[in-house]
């Protein structure tokens, strides 16, 4: 049995029409439910931070050091959650992991803060700082929803 060229083209077109939307229609919020939240990554040389999410109910900060030869400086990483209120953005939750020592490379997470779309407008950012005590100055990635 021979298939005509038109029949083959129609079969391929039907396959593409049904398969492509399944792959490409995942929303940004669905992607943010597991892994890196889009737009949250920020790098400074060999160090980077990002906001990560899981199960669409939790966000945490992730710090990565890659072949960093700076010795003996304790690092801190934190996540901050802000909610929009009548007086503007208010910090609702923060979690910090601190006084982390490393040897060239490191991957570390903070504890999670809640992510609840029912709470109205909210935003998050991941930060890191250095020092023997809790830093007063932080380097942060951008705010993300």
Protein backbone atom coordinates (compact mmCIF):
# COMPACT_ATOMS: atom_id res chain seq x y z
CA UNK A 1 0.00 0.00 0.00
CA UNK A 2 1.46 3.31 -1.06
CA UNK A 3 0.96 6.53 0.84
CA UNK A 4 0.69 9.63 -1.22
CA UNK A 5 2.79 12.66 -0.51
CA UNK A 6 -0.29 14.64 0.56
CA UNK A 7 -1.31 11.92 3.05
CA UNK A 8 2.18 11.85 4.58
CA UNK A 9 2.20 15.65 4.91
CA UNK A 10 -1.22 15.60 6.55
CA UNK A 11 -0.09 12.96 9.06
CA UNK A 12 3.02 14.96 10.00
CA UNK A 13 0.97 18.16 10.33
CA UNK A 14 -1.54 16.41 12.59
CA UNK A 15 1.27 15.09 14.77
CA UNK A 16 2.82 18.55 15.11
CA UNK A 17 -0.49 20.26 15.85
CA UNK A 18 -1.22 17.87 18.72
CA UNK A 19 2.30 17.42 20.15
CA UNK A 20 3.76 20.95 20.06
CA UNK A 21 1.18 22.58 22.38
CA UNK A 22 1.80 19.86 24.97
CA UNK A 23 5.46 20.80 25.07
CA UNK A 24 5.30 24.59 24.80
CA UNK A 25 2.28 25.74 26.80
CA UNK A 26 3.64 25.30 30.31
CA UNK A 27 3.17 28.60 32.14
CA UNK A 28 5.95 30.52 33.91
CA UNK A 29 4.33 29.84 37.28
CA UNK A 30 4.20 26.10 36.53
CA UNK A 31 7.90 26.14 35.62
CA UNK A 32 8.62 27.95 38.89
CA UNK A 33 7.10 25.11 40.93
CA UNK A 34 10.25 23.04 40.60
CA UNK A 35 13.78 24.31 40.20
CA UNK A 36 14.94 27.83 39.45
CA UNK A 37 12.33 30.58 39.39
CA UNK A 38 12.77 32.38 36.03
CA UNK A 39 14.50 35.76 36.30
CA UNK A 40 15.98 35.13 39.75
CA UNK A 41 19.55 34.11 38.81
CA UNK A 42 22.35 36.60 39.57
CA UNK A 43 26.09 35.92 39.35
CA UNK A 44 29.16 37.75 40.61
CA UNK A 45 32.26 36.04 39.22
CA UNK A 46 32.41 32.55 40.75
CA UNK A 47 29.39 33.09 43.04
CA UNK A 48 25.71 33.05 42.17
CA UNK A 49 22.31 33.07 43.87
CA UNK A 50 18.85 32.16 42.67
CA UNK A 51 15.35 31.63 44.01
CA UNK A 52 14.12 28.06 43.74
CA UNK A 53 10.66 26.62 44.26
CA UNK A 54 8.96 23.30 44.94
CA UNK A 55 5.39 22.14 44.87
CA UNK A 56 4.15 25.67 44.19
CA UNK A 57 4.03 26.35 47.95
CA UNK A 58 7.64 27.03 48.99
CA UNK A 59 10.55 29.20 47.83
CA UNK A 60 14.17 29.10 49.01
CA UNK A 61 17.51 30.67 48.13
CA UNK A 62 20.30 28.68 46.52
CA UNK A 63 23.96 29.77 46.59
CA UNK A 64 26.56 28.27 44.26
CA UNK A 65 30.32 28.78 44.36
CA UNK A 66 32.35 27.37 41.53
CA UNK A 67 36.12 27.10 41.84
CA UNK A 68 36.25 30.09 44.19
CA UNK A 69 39.74 30.46 45.65
CA UNK A 70 38.81 33.10 48.24
CA UNK A 71 39.84 31.49 51.48
CA UNK A 72 38.38 31.58 54.90
CA UNK A 73 35.58 34.13 54.49
CA UNK A 74 32.31 32.85 55.99
CA UNK A 75 29.34 33.14 53.65
CA UNK A 76 25.67 33.68 54.40
CA UNK A 77 22.70 33.11 52.09
CA UNK A 78 19.12 34.26 52.59
CA UNK A 79 15.72 34.44 50.97
CA UNK A 80 13.32 37.30 51.54
CA UNK A 81 9.56 37.30 50.88
CA UNK A 82 7.63 40.54 50.67
CA UNK A 83 3.89 41.13 50.46
CA UNK A 84 2.20 44.18 48.95
CA UNK A 85 0.09 46.10 51.46
CA UNK A 86 -1.48 49.51 51.90
CA UNK A 87 1.94 50.95 52.87
CA UNK A 88 3.87 49.32 50.00
CA UNK A 89 6.12 46.25 50.09
CA UNK A 90 6.50 44.71 53.56
CA UNK A 91 8.94 41.95 54.47
CA UNK A 92 6.85 39.00 55.61
CA UNK A 93 9.42 36.18 55.80
CA UNK A 94 13.18 35.68 55.68
CA UNK A 95 15.31 32.57 56.12
CA UNK A 96 19.09 32.66 56.45
CA UNK A 97 21.76 29.96 56.34
CA UNK A 98 24.96 31.29 57.73
CA UNK A 99 28.58 31.13 58.62
CA UNK A 100 29.23 28.66 55.84
CA UNK A 101 32.83 27.69 55.19
CA UNK A 102 33.85 26.06 51.91
CA UNK A 103 36.73 24.68 49.91
CA UNK A 104 36.59 26.01 46.32
CA UNK A 105 33.07 24.83 45.44
CA UNK A 106 29.74 24.85 47.24
CA UNK A 107 25.99 24.43 46.73
CA UNK A 108 23.80 25.41 49.68
CA UNK A 109 20.10 26.20 50.24
CA UNK A 110 18.22 28.14 52.89
CA UNK A 111 15.12 26.81 54.58
CA UNK A 112 11.91 27.60 52.72
CA UNK A 113 9.52 30.51 53.01
CA UNK A 114 5.86 30.17 52.00
CA UNK A 115 4.65 30.85 48.48
CA UNK A 116 0.92 31.37 48.51
CA UNK A 117 -0.82 33.00 45.55
CA UNK A 118 -3.86 33.50 47.81
CA UNK A 119 -1.86 36.05 49.83
CA UNK A 120 -2.08 38.62 47.02
CA UNK A 121 0.96 40.26 45.44
CA UNK A 122 4.22 38.79 46.70
CA UNK A 123 7.84 38.81 45.60
CA UNK A 124 11.06 37.02 46.52
CA UNK A 125 14.78 37.50 46.13
CA UNK A 126 17.91 35.52 47.00
CA UNK A 127 20.97 37.20 48.53
CA UNK A 128 24.40 36.41 49.89
CA UNK A 129 26.78 38.21 52.21
CA UNK A 130 30.13 37.66 53.90
CA UNK A 131 31.49 38.07 57.41
CA UNK A 132 31.88 36.51 60.82
CA UNK A 133 28.51 37.86 61.95
CA UNK A 134 25.18 38.34 60.19
CA UNK A 135 25.92 40.76 57.32
CA UNK A 136 24.42 44.23 57.27
CA UNK A 137 25.02 44.45 53.52
CA UNK A 138 23.83 41.82 51.02
CA UNK A 139 24.33 41.17 47.29
CA UNK A 140 20.94 40.15 45.88
CA UNK A 141 19.35 38.88 42.71
CA UNK A 142 16.32 40.62 41.29
CA UNK A 143 12.83 40.39 42.73
CA UNK A 144 10.64 37.67 41.25
CA UNK A 145 7.03 36.60 41.81
